[in-house]
Amino acid sequence: MESTGMDTAPAQGAPCAPGFRAAPAVTAVAVAGADAPDLVTVPARHGLEAVDIIRRAADRDGGVGPVLHDGSGDTLGFLVPPGTADGWDLPGSACTQTNGRGMRFGDLPPAARDGGWLLPPDPAGGVTDPAVLRAALGEAARLIEAADSCS
């Protein structure tokens, strides 16, 4: 899977997926080098299920961090701690080191208008725990497989 890029933010007034609130304005923050989060990308259906699973278990496992979606709606990208890409091997997903390339939260460069935030970054800066994400993606895959086998 190819990285969706990191310099994306929602266009003002852009619609959100049902059940998600519109992204608030976020102060631009540049992130670079070793402090830059990695990005786990998954197919959108799989990712949306995982977001729901993580949100339901948020009190127990911690919450979901920022989540990007691409302009076509084909993939979601979860920001995870730096270094996650070194050991990520979950089939059906990819984890990319961003090294801060183009990571800006809040500004809207012209090329960024095709994608956006499903869940925008919080000024406090939390990302999704990779173990929590891995478990949620596994559960999501089982739910999707069960739903598809009933058709």
Protein backbone atom coordinates (compact mmCIF):
# COMPACT_ATOMS: atom_id res chain seq x y z
CA MET A 1 0.00 0.00 0.00
CA GLU A 2 1.29 3.47 -0.78
CA SER A 3 1.49 6.23 1.79
CA THR A 4 -1.34 8.77 1.60
CA GLY A 5 1.01 11.62 2.49
CA MET A 6 1.08 13.70 5.60
CA ASP A 7 0.35 17.27 4.54
CA THR A 8 -3.42 16.90 4.48
CA ALA A 9 -6.20 18.62 6.37
CA PRO A 10 -9.92 19.00 5.72
CA ALA A 11 -11.16 21.76 3.47
CA GLN A 12 -13.32 24.27 5.31
CA GLY A 13 -16.89 23.02 5.26
CA ALA A 14 -15.92 19.57 3.97
CA PRO A 15 -18.43 16.87 4.99
CA CYS A 16 -17.44 14.28 7.58
CA ALA A 17 -18.33 10.62 7.62
CA PRO A 18 -21.64 9.93 9.41
CA GLY A 19 -21.16 9.92 13.16
CA PHE A 20 -17.97 11.97 13.13
CA ARG A 21 -17.76 15.63 14.05
CA ALA A 22 -16.24 18.22 11.77
CA ALA A 23 -12.56 18.86 12.33
CA PRO A 24 -11.91 21.99 14.38
CA ALA A 25 -9.33 24.47 13.24
CA VAL A 26 -5.89 23.28 14.32
CA THR A 27 -2.86 25.46 14.80
CA ALA A 28 -0.17 24.62 12.26
CA VAL A 29 2.62 22.56 13.78
CA ALA A 30 5.61 21.23 11.89
CA VAL A 31 7.01 17.90 13.07
CA ALA A 32 10.40 16.62 11.99
CA GLY A 33 12.89 13.82 12.34
CA ALA A 34 12.80 11.25 15.12
CA ASP A 35 9.76 12.86 16.76
CA ALA A 36 7.58 12.41 13.67
CA PRO A 37 4.90 9.72 13.95
CA ASP A 38 4.71 6.79 11.56
CA LEU A 39 1.59 6.15 9.47
CA VAL A 40 -0.34 2.86 9.32
CA THR A 41 -2.56 2.73 6.21
CA VAL A 42 -5.45 0.32 5.72
CA PRO A 43 -8.46 0.02 3.40
CA ALA A 44 -11.18 2.45 4.48
CA ARG A 45 -13.76 -0.17 5.49
CA HIS A 46 -11.24 -1.96 7.67
CA GLY A 47 -10.05 1.31 9.19
CA LEU A 48 -13.55 2.60 9.98
CA GLU A 49 -14.34 -0.64 11.82
CA ALA A 50 -11.08 -0.31 13.77
CA VAL A 51 -11.89 3.31 14.72
CA ASP A 52 -15.26 2.16 16.10
CA ILE A 53 -13.65 -0.71 18.02
CA ILE A 54 -10.99 1.53 19.56
CA ARG A 55 -13.53 4.19 20.50
CA ARG A 56 -15.75 1.62 22.24
CA ALA A 57 -12.77 0.36 24.25
CA ALA A 58 -11.25 3.83 24.85
CA ASP A 59 -11.75 3.75 28.62
CA ARG A 60 -9.87 0.46 28.88
CA ASP A 61 -7.19 0.73 26.17
CA GLY A 62 -6.73 4.43 25.44
CA GLY A 63 -8.20 6.32 22.54
CA VAL A 64 -7.62 6.58 18.86
CA GLY A 65 -5.22 9.28 17.70
CA PRO A 66 -5.40 11.31 14.50
CA VAL A 67 -6.74 9.47 11.45
CA LEU A 68 -6.31 10.64 7.86
CA HIS A 69 -8.47 9.68 4.91
CA ASP A 70 -7.51 10.03 1.29
CA GLY A 71 -9.54 12.07 -1.17
CA SER A 72 -11.05 9.03 -2.88
CA GLY A 73 -12.06 7.44 0.43
CA ASP A 74 -10.11 4.26 -0.33
CA THR A 75 -7.72 4.30 2.63
CA LEU A 76 -7.37 5.52 6.19
CA GLY A 77 -4.07 6.36 7.86
CA PHE A 78 -3.52 6.10 11.62
CA LEU A 79 -0.73 8.15 13.19
CA VAL A 80 1.30 5.89 15.49
CA PRO A 81 4.51 6.45 17.51
CA PRO A 82 7.81 6.83 15.64
CA GLY A 83 9.58 3.51 15.18
CA THR A 84 6.37 1.49 14.72
CA ALA A 85 7.22 0.89 11.04
CA ASP A 86 10.37 -1.01 12.05
CA GLY A 87 8.33 -3.95 13.39
CA TRP A 88 4.95 -3.61 11.67
CA ASP A 89 3.98 -6.76 9.77
CA LEU A 90 0.18 -6.95 9.85
CA PRO A 91 -1.16 -8.32 6.53
CA GLY A 92 -3.55 -5.97 4.72
CA SER A 93 -1.86 -2.86 6.11
CA ALA A 94 1.32 -0.89 5.65
CA CYS A 95 3.32 1.23 8.05
CA THR A 96 5.45 4.04 6.70
CA GLN A 97 8.05 6.17 8.44
CA THR A 98 7.15 9.79 7.79
CA ASN A 99 10.31 11.38 9.18
CA GLY A 100 8.20 14.55 9.32
CA ARG A 101 8.11 14.94 5.52
CA GLY A 102 5.54 17.61 4.89
CA MET A 103 3.76 17.04 8.19
CA ARG A 104 1.81 20.17 8.96
CA PHE A 105 -1.35 20.21 11.01
CA GLY A 106 -3.78 22.98 10.16
CA ASP A 107 -2.45 24.72 7.04
CA LEU A 108 -4.07 23.85 3.72
CA PRO A 109 -1.51 23.75 0.94
CA PRO A 110 -3.23 23.42 -2.47
CA ALA A 111 -2.21 19.76 -2.87
CA ALA A 112 -3.77 18.86 0.51
CA ARG A 113 -7.35 19.71 -0.41
CA ASP A 114 -8.00 16.21 -1.84
CA GLY A 115 -7.64 14.49 1.53
CA GLY A 116 -8.30 15.31 5.13
CA TRP A 117 -8.66 14.32 8.71
CA LEU A 118 -11.31 11.83 9.78
CA LEU A 119 -10.12 12.51 13.34
CA PRO A 120 -7.91 15.59 13.54
CA PRO A 121 -4.82 15.87 15.70
CA ASP A 122 -5.36 17.05 19.23
CA PRO A 123 -3.14 19.91 20.38
CA ALA A 124 -2.05 17.57 23.20
CA GLY A 125 -0.49 15.41 20.46
CA GLY A 126 -1.57 11.83 21.22
CA VAL A 127 -1.25 9.10 18.60
CA THR A 128 -2.77 5.61 18.45
CA ASP A 129 -1.04 2.89 20.45
CA PRO A 130 0.23 0.29 17.92
CA ALA A 131 -0.80 -2.68 20.10
CA VAL A 132 -4.33 -1.28 20.44
CA LEU A 133 -4.47 -0.62 16.68
CA ARG A 134 -3.20 -4.12 15.84
CA ALA A 135 -5.85 -5.72 18.06
CA ALA A 136 -8.61 -3.50 16.64
CA LEU A 137 -7.57 -4.24 13.05
CA GLY A 138 -7.64 -7.97 13.82
CA GLU A 139 -11.11 -7.72 15.33
CA ALA A 140 -12.25 -5.56 12.42
CA ALA A 141 -11.03 -8.17 9.91
CA ARG A 142 -12.99 -10.89 11.72
CA LEU A 143 -16.15 -8.74 11.80
CA ILE A 144 -15.88 -7.90 8.10
CA GLU A 145 -15.26 -11.56 7.20
CA ALA A 146 -18.31 -12.64 9.23
CA ALA A 147 -20.50 -9.94 7.67
CA ASP A 148 -19.36 -10.81 4.15
CA SER A 149 -19.95 -14.55 4.67
CA CYS A 150 -23.60 -13.85 5.55
CA SER A 151 -24.29 -12.25 2.15
